[in-house]
Amino acid sequence: MKDVNGVELTIFVFFFAVVTVVGFAAARWRRGQTLMHLDEWGLGGRSFGTFVTWFLLGGDLYSAYTFIAVPSAVFAGGAMGFWAVPYGAIAYPIVFLIGPRLWSVAHRHRYVTAADFVRGRYGSKSLGLAVALTGILAMMPYIALQLVGIQAVLTVMGVAGSGWTKDLPLFIAFGLLAAYTYTSGLRAPALISFVKDAMIYLVIIVAIVYIPTRLGGWDSIFDEAGTALAKPNPATGKPAGSLFTTDMTHWAYGTLALGSSLALFIYPHSVTGALAAGRRDVIRRNAALLPAYSLLLGLLALLGYMALAHPGTATAVQRAGNPQLAVPELFDQIFPSWFAGIAFAAIGVGALVPAAIMSIAASNLFTRNVYGAFLRPAAGPEEETRVSQLASLLVKVGALVFVLGFDKSLAINLQLLGGIWVVQTFPSIGVGLYTRWLHRWGLLAGWAVGMAYGTITAYTTSSPTQEHFGSPLADIPFVGHTGYIALTAFVLNMLVAVAVTAVLRAFDVPAGADETSEDDYTADADGALTTPEDPGRPLTGRTV
């Protein structure tokens, strides 16, 4: 067992303590008359400006899992791991097209979730429920993976033990996260994201400048990485990867980027961050500014090559049999202890922000689209908020049980499955923001087919180390290439939705009442709108 590095652990604990204080203090930051309203607790008062939203969405979309998983994918497979870079470039134009329209209609009708919009747009509680349950299901392994990121850092620092003491630090981190999210709502991750993003930018910039000087420069890094990737994998007998994509991987690379770009903004936590903005133009500005994080992501991916080029790191990761340790091991072996502690704290804090937003997003979906829509339609704002607070705790408990009770590789593979699921809600949300032509039953049928195909195909996909859920890639029917399962399922989803819609419209089957109007999709916060629950409560115009 590795000895605990006292310097690293002390610095890690210090920053955790700082963000915990910030998390509890956030309850008083830009607070309205009460936090017992989902607009306040779950959406931060719908008041965040460009600056806050940029940090919130950045902290939301670029998590500890990203910090760990992207370099580990490059470490394990080379250039294929870089698919995560272009998908951001594809995603942000999509955000620019659908984000402002979703924000406008949500503010006009006081929607808290994307499933609220779907229910109102198509007059269908069933379709809204399908979108909500898909989002909740996709969030669970995603939250769990943030805790996996913390666990990886603790492992490298030497924090281990036997029995329940082995997981005590994770319990403490979970408890603190649950406590300040419960009391402060979305304001906690919004405020903490300032600290998190500043730390991550600092660590990445230092790593990109400093580590190459220790490894003989970039020429040496790419040479060593290329040589390591060319060695046959004992499990397959084939090279692990290469520095360049090949004809065999172009389809996989492209479909991963495109399919992931469709999922990025309609993930519930992304929608929650966007709907917290105070004005429509905040979303448009952030769609233009957030690509700066794609630059960060590209630099982050290069850490995978650095880990391959550093003999001590490569050996430690191979001995552990866990590529997820590539970045923590690299930092531990290259940086002085004091800066490694800062780097590990950045990863740890990077887990707290998205985990908080994800749990809030999942709890809002449950409260509005399950509890409020089916169990207690007459629930008032205070009851809704209380239920959402409790649901957020249960979501975190579920994620913690997932981390402690299941193999980590299963959590990672189920997160990939989450991406497959979320893409199947794009027709109802993304397409629905522009046209009402698709029939509610057509959308539900397409969703069911896409979910079934994606889940079954992912389940039957194996890898040398995993019998089920072994890869997000599978053969594309009738094409003869391997591609991202989510995109294939999405195409089937759309084909079924269009076909069923055409039949239903031919027989004049009622399409459901649309409670929105065309001008709802271009409305801004004009200070005159009021909430359905409290007609005297004006829409806030506060933005930062």
Protein backbone atom coordinates (compact mmCIF):
# COMPACT_ATOMS: atom_id res chain seq x y z
CA MET A 1 0.00 0.00 0.00
CA LYS A 2 1.27 3.45 -0.92
CA ASP A 3 2.15 5.82 1.94
CA VAL A 4 -0.02 8.92 2.34
CA ASN A 5 1.61 12.08 0.99
CA GLY A 6 0.96 14.52 3.82
CA VAL A 7 1.64 17.68 1.81
CA GLU A 8 -0.69 16.68 -1.02
CA LEU A 9 -3.44 15.61 1.37
CA THR A 10 -3.18 18.79 3.46
CA ILE A 11 -3.54 21.05 0.42
CA PHE A 12 -6.37 18.89 -0.93
CA VAL A 13 -8.26 19.11 2.38
CA PHE A 14 -7.64 22.88 2.59
CA PHE A 15 -9.27 23.58 -0.77
CA PHE A 16 -12.13 21.22 0.04
CA ALA A 17 -12.71 23.22 3.23
CA VAL A 18 -12.64 26.49 1.27
CA VAL A 19 -15.26 25.37 -1.26
CA THR A 20 -17.39 23.94 1.55
CA VAL A 21 -17.48 27.36 3.24
CA VAL A 22 -18.25 28.97 -0.12
CA GLY A 23 -21.02 26.43 -0.72
CA PHE A 24 -22.80 27.24 2.53
CA ALA A 25 -22.24 30.99 2.11
CA ALA A 26 -23.86 30.81 -1.33
CA ALA A 27 -27.28 30.54 0.35
CA ARG A 28 -27.03 34.29 1.02
CA TRP A 29 -25.56 35.23 -2.36
CA ARG A 30 -28.04 37.19 -4.51
CA ARG A 31 -30.85 35.55 -2.57
CA GLY A 32 -34.50 36.40 -3.18
CA GLN A 33 -37.14 36.69 -0.49
CA THR A 34 -37.07 32.93 0.03
CA LEU A 35 -35.19 29.90 -1.23
CA MET A 36 -38.33 27.76 -0.96
CA HIS A 37 -39.25 28.14 -4.60
CA LEU A 38 -37.78 26.10 -7.46
CA ASP A 39 -37.01 29.30 -9.34
CA GLU A 40 -34.74 30.24 -6.44
CA TRP A 41 -33.42 26.92 -5.13
CA GLY A 42 -33.28 25.00 -8.40
CA LEU A 43 -32.48 27.82 -10.86
CA GLY A 44 -30.64 30.39 -8.74
CA GLY A 45 -33.41 32.96 -9.11
CA ARG A 46 -33.16 32.81 -12.93
CA SER A 47 -30.77 35.75 -12.56
CA PHE A 48 -27.28 34.74 -13.69
CA GLY A 49 -25.53 36.95 -16.22
CA THR A 50 -22.92 36.15 -18.87
CA PHE A 51 -19.99 35.96 -16.45
CA VAL A 52 -21.64 33.64 -13.90
CA THR A 53 -23.27 31.50 -16.57
CA TRP A 54 -19.97 31.00 -18.38
CA PHE A 55 -18.35 29.64 -15.23
CA LEU A 56 -21.44 27.63 -14.29
CA LEU A 57 -21.84 25.94 -17.69
CA GLY A 58 -18.10 25.44 -17.99
CA GLY A 59 -17.95 23.86 -14.54
CA ASP A 60 -21.03 21.86 -15.44
CA LEU A 61 -19.84 20.46 -18.78
CA TYR A 62 -16.15 19.98 -17.94
CA SER A 63 -16.13 17.82 -14.86
CA ALA A 64 -13.67 15.70 -12.88
CA TYR A 65 -14.68 12.80 -15.11
CA THR A 66 -13.62 14.85 -18.15
CA PHE A 67 -10.33 15.67 -16.43
CA ILE A 68 -9.76 11.96 -15.80
CA ALA A 69 -11.45 10.25 -18.76
CA VAL A 70 -10.30 12.27 -21.78
CA PRO A 71 -6.55 11.88 -21.10
CA SER A 72 -7.10 8.22 -20.11
CA ALA A 73 -8.79 7.59 -23.48
CA VAL A 74 -5.76 9.10 -25.23
CA PHE A 75 -3.46 7.09 -22.97
CA ALA A 76 -5.26 3.86 -23.84
CA GLY A 77 -6.01 4.40 -27.53
CA GLY A 78 -4.16 7.40 -28.90
CA ALA A 79 -5.78 9.78 -31.41
CA MET A 80 -9.28 8.28 -31.04
CA GLY A 81 -9.42 9.90 -27.61
CA PHE A 82 -9.39 13.32 -29.25
CA TRP A 83 -12.96 12.91 -30.51
CA ALA A 84 -13.99 14.86 -27.41
CA VAL A 85 -12.37 18.02 -28.83
CA PRO A 86 -14.34 18.51 -32.10
CA TYR A 87 -17.65 17.58 -30.52
CA GLY A 88 -17.53 20.83 -28.52
CA ALA A 89 -16.98 22.78 -31.74
CA ILE A 90 -20.04 21.06 -33.23
CA ALA A 91 -22.15 21.38 -30.08
CA TYR A 92 -21.93 25.13 -29.53
CA PRO A 93 -23.56 26.13 -32.83
CA ILE A 94 -26.39 23.76 -31.83
CA VAL A 95 -26.55 25.52 -28.46
CA PHE A 96 -26.72 28.86 -30.30
CA LEU A 97 -29.71 27.61 -32.33
CA ILE A 98 -31.78 25.95 -29.61
CA GLY A 99 -30.54 27.46 -26.34
CA PRO A 100 -32.07 30.95 -26.64
CA ARG A 101 -35.40 29.55 -27.84
CA LEU A 102 -35.59 27.11 -24.93
CA TRP A 103 -34.65 29.88 -22.49
CA SER A 104 -37.36 32.20 -23.86
CA VAL A 105 -40.23 29.72 -23.79
CA ALA A 106 -39.13 28.48 -20.35
CA HIS A 107 -39.13 32.01 -18.94
CA ARG A 108 -42.46 32.88 -20.50
CA HIS A 109 -44.15 29.76 -19.07
CA ARG A 110 -41.96 29.34 -15.97
CA TYR A 111 -40.71 25.92 -17.07
CA VAL A 112 -38.03 24.52 -14.77
CA THR A 113 -37.03 21.50 -16.85
CA ALA A 114 -36.89 20.52 -20.52
CA ALA A 115 -39.58 17.93 -19.76
CA ASP A 116 -41.85 20.82 -18.65
CA PHE A 117 -41.42 22.30 -22.11
CA VAL A 118 -42.14 18.97 -23.84
CA ARG A 119 -45.29 18.47 -21.77
CA GLY A 120 -46.53 21.97 -22.59
CA ARG A 121 -45.51 21.92 -26.25
CA TYR A 122 -47.21 18.62 -27.07
CA GLY A 123 -49.93 18.55 -24.41
CA SER A 124 -48.64 15.18 -23.26
CA LYS A 125 -47.77 14.23 -19.70
CA SER A 126 -46.63 10.83 -20.99
CA LEU A 127 -44.05 12.31 -23.35
CA GLY A 128 -42.90 14.69 -20.63
CA LEU A 129 -42.57 11.73 -18.27
CA ALA A 130 -40.49 9.80 -20.84
CA VAL A 131 -38.11 12.75 -21.23
CA ALA A 132 -37.89 13.22 -17.44
CA LEU A 133 -37.20 9.56 -16.64
CA THR A 134 -34.58 9.41 -19.41
CA GLY A 135 -32.81 12.40 -17.90
CA ILE A 136 -32.92 11.02 -14.35
CA LEU A 137 -31.66 7.64 -15.52
CA ALA A 138 -28.78 9.21 -17.45
CA MET A 139 -27.76 11.38 -14.49
CA MET A 140 -27.19 8.59 -11.97
CA PRO A 141 -23.99 7.02 -13.39
CA TYR A 142 -22.79 10.51 -14.42
CA ILE A 143 -22.95 11.69 -10.80
CA ALA A 144 -21.32 8.45 -9.67
CA LEU A 145 -18.39 9.10 -11.99
CA GLN A 146 -17.69 12.43 -10.32
CA LEU A 147 -17.18 10.49 -7.09
CA VAL A 148 -15.01 8.01 -9.02
CA GLY A 149 -12.81 10.99 -9.98
CA ILE A 150 -12.38 11.92 -6.32
CA GLN A 151 -11.65 8.29 -5.49
CA ALA A 152 -8.92 8.10 -8.16
CA VAL A 153 -7.17 11.13 -6.67
CA LEU A 154 -7.42 9.76 -3.13
CA THR A 155 -5.95 6.46 -4.32
CA VAL A 156 -2.90 8.12 -5.85
CA MET A 157 -2.36 10.25 -2.74
CA GLY A 158 -2.20 7.01 -0.74
CA VAL A 159 -5.47 7.47 1.15
CA ALA A 160 -6.55 3.87 1.61
CA GLY A 161 -7.44 1.43 4.32
CA SER A 162 -9.57 -1.60 5.01
CA GLY A 163 -13.29 -2.02 5.52
CA TRP A 164 -15.42 1.07 5.86
CA THR A 165 -12.41 3.31 6.66
CA LYS A 166 -11.25 2.90 3.05
CA ASP A 167 -14.31 4.82 1.88
CA LEU A 168 -14.52 7.28 4.79
CA PRO A 169 -13.07 10.24 2.79
CA LEU A 170 -15.67 9.63 0.07
CA PHE A 171 -18.45 9.61 2.68
CA ILE A 172 -17.17 12.92 4.06
CA ALA A 173 -17.00 14.49 0.59
CA PHE A 174 -20.52 13.21 -0.15
CA GLY A 175 -21.87 14.53 3.14
CA LEU A 176 -20.47 18.02 2.57
CA LEU A 177 -21.75 18.11 -1.00
CA ALA A 178 -25.20 16.97 0.07
CA ALA A 179 -25.36 19.50 2.93
CA TYR A 180 -24.51 22.66 1.04
CA THR A 181 -26.51 21.67 -2.04
CA TYR A 182 -29.53 21.11 0.21
CA THR A 183 -29.20 24.51 1.86
CA SER A 184 -27.99 26.68 -1.05
CA GLY A 185 -29.38 25.02 -4.18
CA LEU A 186 -27.90 26.03 -7.54
CA ARG A 187 -26.16 29.05 -6.04
CA ALA A 188 -23.61 26.74 -4.38
CA PRO A 189 -22.13 25.19 -7.56
CA ALA A 190 -22.42 28.56 -9.34
CA LEU A 191 -20.21 30.24 -6.75
CA ILE A 192 -17.83 27.28 -6.36
CA SER A 193 -17.39 27.12 -10.15
CA PHE A 194 -15.29 30.32 -9.98
CA VAL A 195 -12.79 28.55 -7.74
CA LYS A 196 -12.96 25.31 -9.71
CA ASP A 197 -12.41 26.81 -13.16
CA ALA A 198 -9.57 29.07 -12.00
CA MET A 199 -7.79 26.07 -10.46
CA ILE A 200 -8.25 23.89 -13.53
CA TYR A 201 -6.98 26.55 -15.92
CA LEU A 202 -3.96 27.10 -13.67
CA VAL A 203 -3.16 23.38 -13.48
CA ILE A 204 -3.55 22.76 -17.22
CA ILE A 205 -1.44 25.75 -18.24
CA VAL A 206 1.33 24.82 -15.81
CA ALA A 207 1.19 21.17 -16.92
CA ILE A 208 1.43 22.06 -20.63
CA VAL A 209 4.41 24.34 -20.00
CA TYR A 210 6.25 22.45 -17.24
CA ILE A 211 5.83 18.73 -17.96
CA PRO A 212 7.35 18.81 -21.50
CA THR A 213 10.52 20.34 -20.01
CA ARG A 214 10.79 17.25 -17.79
CA LEU A 215 10.19 14.84 -20.67
CA GLY A 216 12.60 16.18 -23.27
CA GLY A 217 10.16 18.37 -25.19
CA TRP A 218 7.19 17.66 -27.42
CA ASP A 219 9.20 15.71 -30.01
CA SER A 220 10.24 13.23 -27.34
CA ILE A 221 6.70 13.03 -25.92
CA PHE A 222 5.14 12.15 -29.29
CA ASP A 223 7.93 9.70 -30.15
CA GLU A 224 7.61 7.86 -26.84
CA ALA A 225 3.80 7.90 -26.99
CA GLY A 226 3.79 6.59 -30.56
CA THR A 227 6.16 3.77 -29.64
CA ALA A 228 4.05 2.82 -26.60
CA LEU A 229 0.81 2.81 -28.59
CA ALA A 230 2.36 0.65 -31.33
CA LYS A 231 3.09 -2.18 -28.88
CA PRO A 232 0.61 -5.08 -29.15
CA ASN A 233 -2.09 -5.18 -26.54
CA PRO A 234 -1.78 -8.54 -24.68
CA ALA A 235 -5.57 -8.95 -24.68
CA THR A 236 -6.05 -8.43 -28.44
CA GLY A 237 -2.61 -8.95 -30.00
CA LYS A 238 -3.09 -5.67 -31.88
CA PRO A 239 -1.55 -2.22 -31.32
CA ALA A 240 -3.34 -0.25 -28.64
CA GLY A 241 -3.68 2.76 -30.95
CA SER A 242 -1.76 5.36 -32.88
CA LEU A 243 -1.06 9.08 -33.00
CA PHE A 244 -3.38 9.42 -36.01
CA THR A 245 -6.86 8.18 -36.83
CA THR A 246 -7.02 5.61 -39.63
CA ASP A 247 -9.52 4.70 -42.33
CA MET A 248 -10.89 2.11 -39.92
CA THR A 249 -11.60 4.71 -37.22
CA HIS A 250 -12.85 7.73 -39.19
CA TRP A 251 -16.52 6.75 -38.92
CA ALA A 252 -16.19 5.98 -35.23
CA TYR A 253 -14.43 9.29 -34.60
CA GLY A 254 -16.96 11.35 -36.56
CA THR A 255 -20.10 9.70 -35.20
CA LEU A 256 -18.83 9.96 -31.63
CA ALA A 257 -18.27 13.68 -32.09
CA LEU A 258 -21.62 14.31 -33.81
CA GLY A 259 -23.71 12.12 -31.52
CA SER A 260 -22.14 13.58 -28.40
CA SER A 261 -22.76 17.11 -29.67
CA LEU A 262 -26.50 16.38 -29.88
CA ALA A 263 -26.48 15.19 -26.25
CA LEU A 264 -24.32 17.92 -24.73
CA PHE A 265 -26.88 20.67 -24.28
CA ILE A 266 -29.98 18.55 -23.64
CA TYR A 267 -28.42 16.77 -20.67
CA PRO A 268 -30.57 17.90 -17.71
CA HIS A 269 -27.66 19.57 -15.92
CA SER A 270 -26.82 21.62 -19.04
CA VAL A 271 -30.44 22.73 -19.37
CA THR A 272 -30.53 23.68 -15.68
CA GLY A 273 -27.43 25.85 -16.06
CA ALA A 274 -28.87 27.55 -19.14
CA LEU A 275 -32.32 28.22 -17.65
CA ALA A 276 -30.66 29.91 -14.66
CA ALA A 277 -29.52 32.74 -16.99
CA GLY A 278 -31.19 36.10 -16.48
CA ARG A 279 -31.61 37.08 -20.13
CA ARG A 280 -31.87 35.49 -23.55
CA ASP A 281 -28.68 37.09 -24.86
CA VAL A 282 -26.71 35.47 -22.01
CA ILE A 283 -27.21 32.11 -23.74
CA ARG A 284 -26.17 33.50 -27.11
CA ARG A 285 -23.01 35.04 -25.69
CA ASN A 286 -22.07 31.86 -23.88
CA ALA A 287 -22.56 29.80 -27.04
CA ALA A 288 -19.89 32.05 -28.54
CA LEU A 289 -17.60 32.11 -25.48
CA LEU A 290 -17.75 28.50 -24.26
CA PRO A 291 -15.56 27.13 -27.11
CA ALA A 292 -12.66 28.47 -25.01
CA TYR A 293 -13.22 25.33 -22.96
CA SER A 294 -12.62 23.24 -26.10
CA LEU A 295 -9.11 24.69 -26.21
CA LEU A 296 -8.71 23.60 -22.61
CA LEU A 297 -10.02 20.17 -23.54
CA GLY A 298 -7.45 19.80 -26.30
CA LEU A 299 -4.64 20.66 -23.92
CA LEU A 300 -6.11 18.29 -21.36
CA ALA A 301 -6.12 15.42 -23.86
CA LEU A 302 -2.38 15.88 -24.44
CA LEU A 303 -1.79 14.78 -20.85
CA GLY A 304 -2.57 11.26 -22.05
CA TYR A 305 0.48 11.33 -24.33
CA MET A 306 2.59 12.76 -21.53
CA ALA A 307 1.56 9.89 -19.27
CA LEU A 308 2.57 7.40 -21.98
CA ALA A 309 5.93 9.15 -22.39
CA HIS A 310 6.75 9.10 -18.67
CA PRO A 311 8.02 5.60 -17.78
CA GLY A 312 7.09 5.78 -14.11
CA THR A 313 3.51 6.84 -14.84
CA ALA A 314 2.99 4.27 -17.60
CA THR A 315 4.33 1.50 -15.38
CA ALA A 316 2.16 2.50 -12.41
CA VAL A 317 -1.00 2.70 -14.52
CA GLN A 318 -0.33 -0.63 -16.23
CA ARG A 319 0.38 -2.26 -12.87
CA ALA A 320 -2.93 -0.94 -11.52
CA GLY A 321 -4.71 -1.96 -14.73
CA ASN A 322 -6.68 1.31 -14.64
CA PRO A 323 -6.09 4.00 -17.32
CA GLN A 324 -8.25 6.37 -15.22
CA LEU A 325 -5.20 6.84 -12.95
CA ALA A 326 -3.03 8.20 -15.79
CA VAL A 327 -3.40 11.90 -14.96
CA PRO A 328 -3.27 11.58 -11.14
CA GLU A 329 -0.17 9.35 -11.39
CA LEU A 330 1.48 11.76 -13.84
CA PHE A 331 0.89 14.72 -11.53
CA ASP A 332 2.03 12.76 -8.49
CA GLN A 333 5.31 11.74 -10.11
CA ILE A 334 6.13 14.93 -12.05
CA PHE A 335 5.00 17.84 -9.88
CA PRO A 336 6.42 18.79 -6.50
CA SER A 337 4.09 17.68 -3.73
CA TRP A 338 2.67 21.13 -3.04
CA PHE A 339 1.58 21.67 -6.64
CA ALA A 340 0.38 18.08 -7.02
CA GLY A 341 -1.87 18.83 -4.04
CA ILE A 342 -3.29 21.85 -5.89
CA ALA A 343 -3.81 19.74 -9.01
CA PHE A 344 -5.59 17.01 -7.05
CA ALA A 345 -7.73 19.63 -5.34
CA ALA A 346 -8.68 21.01 -8.78
CA ILE A 347 -9.88 17.54 -9.82
CA GLY A 348 -11.72 17.07 -6.53
CA VAL A 349 -13.44 20.45 -6.70
CA GLY A 350 -14.09 19.72 -10.37
CA ALA A 351 -16.18 16.79 -9.20
CA LEU A 352 -18.27 18.79 -6.73
CA VAL A 353 -19.64 21.42 -9.14
CA PRO A 354 -21.15 19.10 -11.77
CA ALA A 355 -22.27 16.56 -9.15
CA ALA A 356 -24.24 19.30 -7.40
CA ILE A 357 -25.83 20.59 -10.62
CA MET A 358 -26.62 17.07 -11.82
CA SER A 359 -28.34 16.14 -8.56
CA ILE A 360 -30.37 19.37 -8.66
CA ALA A 361 -31.33 18.77 -12.30
CA ALA A 362 -32.41 15.18 -11.59
CA SER A 363 -34.41 16.23 -8.53
CA ASN A 364 -36.15 19.03 -10.47
CA LEU A 365 -37.18 16.50 -13.13
CA PHE A 366 -38.63 14.20 -10.48
CA THR A 367 -40.43 17.00 -8.67
CA ARG A 368 -41.98 18.71 -11.68
CA ASN A 369 -42.58 15.81 -14.06
CA VAL A 370 -43.26 12.85 -11.77
CA TYR A 371 -44.36 14.13 -8.36
CA GLY A 372 -46.07 17.32 -9.53
CA ALA A 373 -47.50 15.95 -12.78
CA PHE A 374 -48.86 12.64 -11.46
CA LEU A 375 -48.78 12.42 -7.66
CA ARG A 376 -49.46 15.93 -6.35
CA PRO A 377 -50.64 18.26 -9.14
CA ALA A 378 -51.77 20.81 -6.53
CA ALA A 379 -48.35 21.04 -4.83
CA GLY A 380 -47.33 24.61 -4.09
CA PRO A 381 -43.87 26.21 -4.56
CA GLU A 382 -42.68 25.42 -1.02
CA GLU A 383 -43.76 21.77 -1.22
CA GLU A 384 -42.12 21.41 -4.64
CA THR A 385 -38.86 22.80 -3.31
CA ARG A 386 -38.89 20.57 -0.24
CA VAL A 387 -39.48 17.49 -2.41
CA SER A 388 -36.70 18.56 -4.78
CA GLN A 389 -34.28 19.03 -1.87
CA LEU A 390 -35.04 15.55 -0.55
CA ALA A 391 -34.86 14.03 -4.02
CA SER A 392 -31.43 15.58 -4.56
CA LEU A 393 -30.21 13.82 -1.41
CA LEU A 394 -31.59 10.49 -2.61
CA VAL A 395 -29.93 10.93 -6.00
CA LYS A 396 -26.56 11.46 -4.30
CA VAL A 397 -27.10 8.46 -2.04
CA GLY A 398 -27.89 6.37 -5.12
CA ALA A 399 -24.71 7.58 -6.82
CA LEU A 400 -22.65 6.78 -3.71
CA VAL A 401 -24.12 3.26 -3.50
CA PHE A 402 -23.34 2.85 -7.20
CA VAL A 403 -19.69 3.80 -6.66
CA LEU A 404 -19.21 1.59 -3.61
CA GLY A 405 -21.25 -1.38 -4.76
CA PHE A 406 -20.29 -1.82 -8.40
CA ASP A 407 -17.14 -2.21 -10.43
CA LYS A 408 -15.83 1.16 -11.65
CA SER A 409 -15.74 -0.01 -15.27
CA LEU A 410 -19.50 -0.62 -15.08
CA ALA A 411 -20.04 2.97 -13.95
CA ILE A 412 -17.99 4.25 -16.88
CA ASN A 413 -19.82 2.07 -19.40
CA LEU A 414 -23.23 3.03 -18.03
CA GLN A 415 -22.30 6.70 -18.37
CA LEU A 416 -21.68 6.02 -22.06
CA LEU A 417 -25.12 4.40 -22.12
CA GLY A 418 -26.49 7.58 -20.54
CA GLY A 419 -25.31 9.51 -23.58
CA ILE A 420 -27.14 7.05 -25.84
CA TRP A 421 -30.34 7.57 -23.84
CA VAL A 422 -30.19 11.36 -23.69
CA VAL A 423 -29.81 11.74 -27.45
CA GLN A 424 -33.19 10.05 -27.85
CA THR A 425 -34.87 13.09 -26.25
CA PHE A 426 -33.43 15.47 -28.87
CA PRO A 427 -36.40 15.14 -31.29
CA SER A 428 -38.86 16.17 -28.57
CA ILE A 429 -36.71 19.03 -27.27
CA GLY A 430 -34.41 20.29 -30.04
CA VAL A 431 -36.73 19.70 -33.00
CA GLY A 432 -39.76 20.71 -30.94
CA LEU A 433 -38.33 24.17 -30.40
CA TYR A 434 -38.68 24.85 -34.13
CA THR A 435 -41.66 22.83 -35.32
CA ARG A 436 -44.84 21.28 -33.91
CA TRP A 437 -45.30 18.97 -36.92
CA LEU A 438 -44.09 15.80 -35.18
CA HIS A 439 -47.00 14.10 -33.40
CA ARG A 440 -46.73 13.40 -29.67
CA TRP A 441 -47.37 9.66 -30.21
CA GLY A 442 -44.90 9.62 -33.07
CA LEU A 443 -42.26 11.15 -30.81
CA LEU A 444 -43.07 8.65 -28.06
CA ALA A 445 -42.83 5.75 -30.51
CA GLY A 446 -39.51 7.04 -31.89
CA TRP A 447 -38.18 7.51 -28.36
CA ALA A 448 -39.14 3.93 -27.43
CA VAL A 449 -37.48 2.46 -30.54
CA GLY A 450 -34.32 4.54 -30.06
CA MET A 451 -34.08 3.62 -26.38
CA ALA A 452 -34.65 -0.08 -27.07
CA TYR A 453 -32.18 -0.27 -29.94
CA GLY A 454 -29.51 1.76 -28.13
CA THR A 455 -29.80 -0.17 -24.86
CA ILE A 456 -29.87 -3.64 -26.42
CA THR A 457 -27.02 -2.87 -28.82
CA ALA A 458 -24.87 -1.41 -26.03
CA TYR A 459 -25.63 -4.41 -23.81
CA THR A 460 -24.53 -6.89 -26.47
CA THR A 461 -21.33 -4.98 -27.29
CA SER A 462 -18.30 -6.56 -25.66
CA SER A 463 -14.62 -5.74 -25.28
CA PRO A 464 -11.58 -7.83 -24.30
CA THR A 465 -12.21 -6.94 -20.65
CA GLN A 466 -16.01 -6.47 -20.54
CA GLU A 467 -18.75 -8.83 -21.65
CA HIS A 468 -21.56 -6.26 -21.71
CA PHE A 469 -21.57 -2.49 -22.30
CA GLY A 470 -18.01 -2.90 -23.54
CA SER A 471 -17.99 -0.01 -26.00
CA PRO A 472 -20.14 2.89 -27.23
CA LEU A 473 -19.40 1.74 -30.80
CA ALA A 474 -21.10 -0.93 -32.90
CA ASP A 475 -21.67 -1.80 -36.55
CA ILE A 476 -24.02 0.64 -38.31
CA PRO A 477 -26.75 -1.33 -40.13
CA PHE A 478 -26.53 -1.24 -43.96
CA VAL A 479 -23.45 1.02 -43.88
CA GLY A 480 -20.62 -1.39 -43.23
CA HIS A 481 -18.79 0.85 -40.76
CA THR A 482 -18.53 1.08 -36.99
CA GLY A 483 -20.14 4.12 -35.38
CA TYR A 484 -21.53 5.61 -32.20
CA ILE A 485 -24.60 3.66 -31.09
CA ALA A 486 -26.37 6.84 -29.95
CA LEU A 487 -26.33 8.35 -33.43
CA THR A 488 -27.63 5.18 -35.09
CA ALA A 489 -30.41 4.98 -32.48
CA PHE A 490 -31.20 8.67 -33.08
CA VAL A 491 -31.60 8.10 -36.83
CA LEU A 492 -33.98 5.19 -36.15
CA ASN A 493 -35.80 7.38 -33.62
CA MET A 494 -36.37 10.12 -36.20
CA LEU A 495 -37.43 7.69 -38.95
CA VAL A 496 -40.04 6.12 -36.68
CA ALA A 497 -41.24 9.50 -35.38
CA VAL A 498 -41.71 10.86 -38.92
CA ALA A 499 -43.41 7.69 -40.21
CA VAL A 500 -45.82 7.39 -37.27
CA THR A 501 -46.58 11.13 -37.45
CA ALA A 502 -47.44 10.88 -41.15
CA VAL A 503 -49.87 8.01 -40.47
CA LEU A 504 -51.49 9.69 -37.46
CA ARG A 505 -51.92 12.98 -39.28
CA ALA A 506 -53.42 11.17 -42.26
CA PHE A 507 -56.07 9.77 -39.89
CA ASP A 508 -56.50 13.13 -38.08
CA VAL A 509 -55.54 11.71 -34.69
CA PRO A 510 -55.51 14.63 -32.17
CA ALA A 511 -51.96 15.92 -31.72
CA GLY A 512 -52.52 17.44 -28.27
CA ALA A 513 -52.89 21.06 -27.21
CA ASP A 514 -49.85 23.33 -27.57
CA GLU A 515 -49.79 25.85 -24.74
CA THR A 516 -46.96 27.84 -26.35
CA SER A 517 -47.17 30.49 -29.08
CA GLU A 518 -44.66 31.63 -31.69
CA ASP A 519 -43.62 34.79 -29.86
CA ASP A 520 -42.80 32.73 -26.74
CA TYR A 521 -39.64 31.50 -28.47
CA THR A 522 -38.15 34.96 -28.95
CA ALA A 523 -39.29 36.59 -25.69
CA ASP A 524 -36.81 38.19 -23.29
CA ALA A 525 -36.97 39.00 -19.58
CA ASP A 526 -39.00 42.20 -19.71
CA GLY A 527 -39.89 42.42 -16.03
CA ALA A 528 -43.65 42.01 -16.69
CA LEU A 529 -43.92 38.24 -16.65
CA THR A 530 -45.23 36.47 -13.56
CA THR A 531 -45.18 32.92 -12.26
CA PRO A 532 -48.35 30.81 -12.49
CA GLU A 533 -48.08 29.95 -8.79
CA ASP A 534 -47.62 33.55 -7.65
CA PRO A 535 -49.04 36.07 -10.18
CA GLY A 536 -47.69 38.97 -8.17
CA ARG A 537 -44.08 37.80 -8.35
CA PRO A 538 -42.33 39.55 -11.27
CA LEU A 539 -39.66 37.93 -13.31
CA THR A 540 -36.36 39.19 -11.92
CA GLY A 541 -34.11 41.29 -14.09
CA ARG A 542 -31.00 40.89 -11.94
CA THR A 543 -28.01 39.69 -13.91
CA VAL A 544 -24.28 39.51 -13.33
